[in-house]
């Protein structure tokens, strides 16, 4: 997903660079390159979605089950005990993992 995001940034810079071109034939040639680059980025995103969507869904679902189980375990733990802080740390890491999937996907969606 980071590669897709980086490719979108490169495409953006190329599009901004089109403003400096004065010759119409150079402008058209570079614009066609940018359009083809955009099509390639969209193909890459579709391939990523096709190959990883089920895997990420399963990972997210498993993380959600772990999150619920850990929250239950956290409710049973003695407050301010070592087990409480260990479980809380684990819970925060699960939240971080779930957040990273969503954040990376929204970054790519926003740029494409």
C-alpha atoms as a PDB file:
ATOM      1  CA  UNK A   1       0.000   0.000   0.000  1.00  0.00           C
ATOM      2  CA  UNK A   2       2.918   2.297   0.674  1.00  0.00           C
ATOM      3  CA  UNK A   3       4.213   1.672  -2.851  1.00  0.00           C
ATOM      4  CA  UNK A   4       0.837   2.705  -4.271  1.00  0.00           C
ATOM      5  CA  UNK A   5       0.872   5.825  -2.152  1.00  0.00           C
ATOM      6  CA  UNK A   6       4.404   6.661  -3.308  1.00  0.00           C
ATOM      7  CA  UNK A   7       3.459   6.113  -6.951  1.00  0.00           C
ATOM      8  CA  UNK A   8       0.542   8.515  -6.513  1.00  0.00           C
ATOM      9  CA  UNK A   9       2.933  11.133  -5.123  1.00  0.00           C
ATOM     10  CA  UNK A  10       5.227  10.658  -8.141  1.00  0.00           C
ATOM     11  CA  UNK A  11       2.255  11.020 -10.483  1.00  0.00           C
ATOM     12  CA  UNK A  12       1.207  14.203  -8.704  1.00  0.00           C
ATOM     13  CA  UNK A  13       4.684  15.692  -9.108  1.00  0.00           C
ATOM     14  CA  UNK A  14       4.665  14.783 -12.806  1.00  0.00           C
ATOM     15  CA  UNK A  15       1.289  16.469 -13.246  1.00  0.00           C
ATOM     16  CA  UNK A  16       2.535  19.606 -11.492  1.00  0.00           C
ATOM     17  CA  UNK A  17       5.555  19.559 -13.820  1.00  0.00           C
ATOM     18  CA  UNK A  18       3.228  19.725 -16.826  1.00  0.00           C
ATOM     19  CA  UNK A  19       2.581  23.385 -16.066  1.00  0.00           C
ATOM     20  CA  UNK A  20       6.144  24.305 -16.942  1.00  0.00           C
ATOM     21  CA  UNK A  21       5.996  22.780 -20.437  1.00  0.00           C
ATOM     22  CA  UNK A  22       5.514  25.361 -23.186  1.00  0.00           C
ATOM     23  CA  UNK A  23       5.597  23.193 -26.303  1.00  0.00           C
ATOM     24  CA  UNK A  24       2.203  21.650 -27.010  1.00  0.00           C
ATOM     25  CA  UNK A  25       3.618  18.378 -28.352  1.00  0.00           C
ATOM     26  CA  UNK A  26       5.766  17.922 -25.217  1.00  0.00           C
ATOM     27  CA  UNK A  27       2.724  18.697 -23.080  1.00  0.00           C
ATOM     28  CA  UNK A  28       0.579  16.111 -24.875  1.00  0.00           C
ATOM     29  CA  UNK A  29       3.310  13.454 -24.726  1.00  0.00           C
ATOM     30  CA  UNK A  30       3.850  13.982 -20.999  1.00  0.00           C
ATOM     31  CA  UNK A  31       0.100  14.056 -20.356  1.00  0.00           C
ATOM     32  CA  UNK A  32      -0.280  10.685 -22.110  1.00  0.00           C
ATOM     33  CA  UNK A  33       2.559   9.325 -19.937  1.00  0.00           C
ATOM     34  CA  UNK A  34       0.762  10.564 -16.819  1.00  0.00           C
ATOM     35  CA  UNK A  35      -2.513   8.978 -17.922  1.00  0.00           C
ATOM     36  CA  UNK A  36      -0.776   5.644 -18.556  1.00  0.00           C
ATOM     37  CA  UNK A  37       0.985   5.927 -15.190  1.00  0.00           C
ATOM     38  CA  UNK A  38      -2.385   6.490 -13.510  1.00  0.00           C
ATOM     39  CA  UNK A  39      -3.850   3.450 -15.272  1.00  0.00           C
ATOM     40  CA  UNK A  40      -0.923   1.333 -14.070  1.00  0.00           C
ATOM     41  CA  UNK A  41      -1.429   2.543 -10.499  1.00  0.00           C
ATOM     42  CA  UNK A  42      -5.119   1.622 -10.686  1.00  0.00           C
ATOM     43  CA  UNK A  43      -4.208  -1.844 -12.007  1.00  0.00           C
ATOM     44  CA  UNK A  44      -1.756  -2.297  -9.132  1.00  0.00           C
ATOM     45  CA  UNK A  45      -4.405  -1.280  -6.593  1.00  0.00           C
ATOM     46  CA  UNK A  46      -6.945  -3.685  -8.126  1.00  0.00           C
ATOM     47  CA  UNK A  47      -4.386  -6.520  -8.014  1.00  0.00           C
ATOM     48  CA  UNK A  48      -3.599  -5.766  -4.378  1.00  0.00           C
ATOM     49  CA  UNK A  49      -7.307  -5.715  -3.544  1.00  0.00           C
ATOM     50  CA  UNK A  50      -7.909  -8.986  -5.386  1.00  0.00           C
ATOM     51  CA  UNK A  51      -4.998 -10.811  -3.764  1.00  0.00           C
ATOM     52  CA  UNK A  52      -5.068  -9.466  -0.234  1.00  0.00           C
ATOM     53  CA  UNK A  53      -8.667  -8.502   0.551  1.00  0.00           C
ATOM     54  CA  UNK A  54      -9.631 -11.926   1.934  1.00  0.00           C
ATOM     55  CA  UNK A  55      -6.360 -12.247   3.857  1.00  0.00           C
ATOM     56  CA  UNK A  56      -6.765  -8.807   5.415  1.00  0.00           C
ATOM     57  CA  UNK A  57     -10.426  -9.519   6.220  1.00  0.00           C
ATOM     58  CA  UNK A  58      -9.425 -12.709   8.023  1.00  0.00           C
ATOM     59  CA  UNK A  59      -6.641 -10.897   9.874  1.00  0.00           C
ATOM     60  CA  UNK A  60      -8.996  -8.091  10.859  1.00  0.00           C
ATOM     61  CA  UNK A  61     -11.666 -10.552  12.024  1.00  0.00           C
ATOM     62  CA  UNK A  62      -9.108 -12.479  14.087  1.00  0.00           C
ATOM     63  CA  UNK A  63      -7.864  -9.231  15.613  1.00  0.00           C
ATOM     64  CA  UNK A  64     -11.439  -8.289  16.471  1.00  0.00           C
ATOM     65  CA  UNK A  65     -11.989 -11.607  18.272  1.00  0.00           C
ATOM     66  CA  UNK A  66      -8.680 -11.136  20.124  1.00  0.00           C
ATOM     67  CA  UNK A  67      -9.732  -7.622  21.015  1.00  0.00           C
ATOM     68  CA  UNK A  68     -13.022  -8.784  22.520  1.00  0.00           C
ATOM     69  CA  UNK A  69     -11.365 -11.631  24.420  1.00  0.00           C
ATOM     70  CA  UNK A  70      -8.666  -9.352  25.760  1.00  0.00           C
ATOM     71  CA  UNK A  71     -11.218  -6.752  26.865  1.00  0.00           C
ATOM     72  CA  UNK A  72     -13.035  -9.475  28.809  1.00  0.00           C
ATOM     73  CA  UNK A  73      -9.761 -10.620  30.367  1.00  0.00           C
ATOM     74  CA  UNK A  74      -8.951  -7.002  31.194  1.00  0.00           C
ATOM     75  CA  UNK A  75     -12.283  -6.615  33.008  1.00  0.00           C
ATOM     76  CA  UNK A  76     -11.426  -9.619  35.207  1.00  0.00           C
ATOM     77  CA  UNK A  77      -7.871  -8.554  36.016  1.00  0.00           C
ATOM     78  CA  UNK A  78      -6.972  -6.882  39.283  1.00  0.00           C
ATOM     79  CA  UNK A  79      -6.616  -3.115  38.634  1.00  0.00           C
ATOM     80  CA  UNK A  80      -3.015  -1.866  38.738  1.00  0.00           C
ATOM     81  CA  UNK A  81      -1.603  -5.389  38.754  1.00  0.00           C
ATOM     82  CA  UNK A  82       1.110  -6.702  36.442  1.00  0.00           C
ATOM     83  CA  UNK A  83      -1.427  -8.819  34.560  1.00  0.00           C
ATOM     84  CA  UNK A  84      -3.635  -5.747  34.075  1.00  0.00           C
ATOM     85  CA  UNK A  85      -0.831  -3.708  32.469  1.00  0.00           C
ATOM     86  CA  UNK A  86       0.389  -6.647  30.388  1.00  0.00           C
ATOM     87  CA  UNK A  87      -3.142  -7.224  29.048  1.00  0.00           C
ATOM     88  CA  UNK A  88      -3.645  -3.506  28.490  1.00  0.00           C
ATOM     89  CA  UNK A  89      -0.415  -3.319  26.503  1.00  0.00           C
ATOM     90  CA  UNK A  90      -1.493  -6.279  24.379  1.00  0.00           C
ATOM     91  CA  UNK A  91      -4.884  -4.642  23.829  1.00  0.00           C
ATOM     92  CA  UNK A  92      -3.305  -1.384  22.679  1.00  0.00           C
ATOM     93  CA  UNK A  93      -1.132  -3.280  20.202  1.00  0.00           C
ATOM     94  CA  UNK A  94      -4.195  -5.006  18.748  1.00  0.00           C
ATOM     95  CA  UNK A  95      -5.869  -1.616  18.326  1.00  0.00           C
ATOM     96  CA  UNK A  96      -2.739  -0.278  16.639  1.00  0.00           C
ATOM     97  CA  UNK A  97      -2.636  -3.197  14.214  1.00  0.00           C
ATOM     98  CA  UNK A  98      -6.301  -2.732  13.292  1.00  0.00           C
ATOM     99  CA  UNK A  99      -5.801   1.009  12.917  1.00  0.00           C
ATOM    100  CA  UNK A 100      -2.808   0.611  10.579  1.00  0.00           C
ATOM    101  CA  UNK A 101      -4.801  -1.485   8.101  1.00  0.00           C
ATOM    102  CA  UNK A 102      -7.539   1.140   7.985  1.00  0.00           C
ATOM    103  CA  UNK A 103      -5.172   4.103   7.817  1.00  0.00           C
ATOM    104  CA  UNK A 104      -3.038   2.687   4.982  1.00  0.00           C
ATOM    105  CA  UNK A 105      -6.094   1.718   2.966  1.00  0.00           C
ATOM    106  CA  UNK A 106      -7.686   5.139   3.372  1.00  0.00           C
ATOM    107  CA  UNK A 107      -4.429   6.847   2.314  1.00  0.00           C
ATOM    108  CA  UNK A 108      -4.323   4.842  -0.917  1.00  0.00           C
ATOM    109  CA  UNK A 109      -8.050   5.366  -1.547  1.00  0.00           C
ATOM    110  CA  UNK A 110      -7.669   9.113  -1.039  1.00  0.00           C
ATOM    111  CA  UNK A 111      -4.721   9.379  -3.423  1.00  0.00           C
ATOM    112  CA  UNK A 112      -6.051   7.122  -6.175  1.00  0.00           C
END
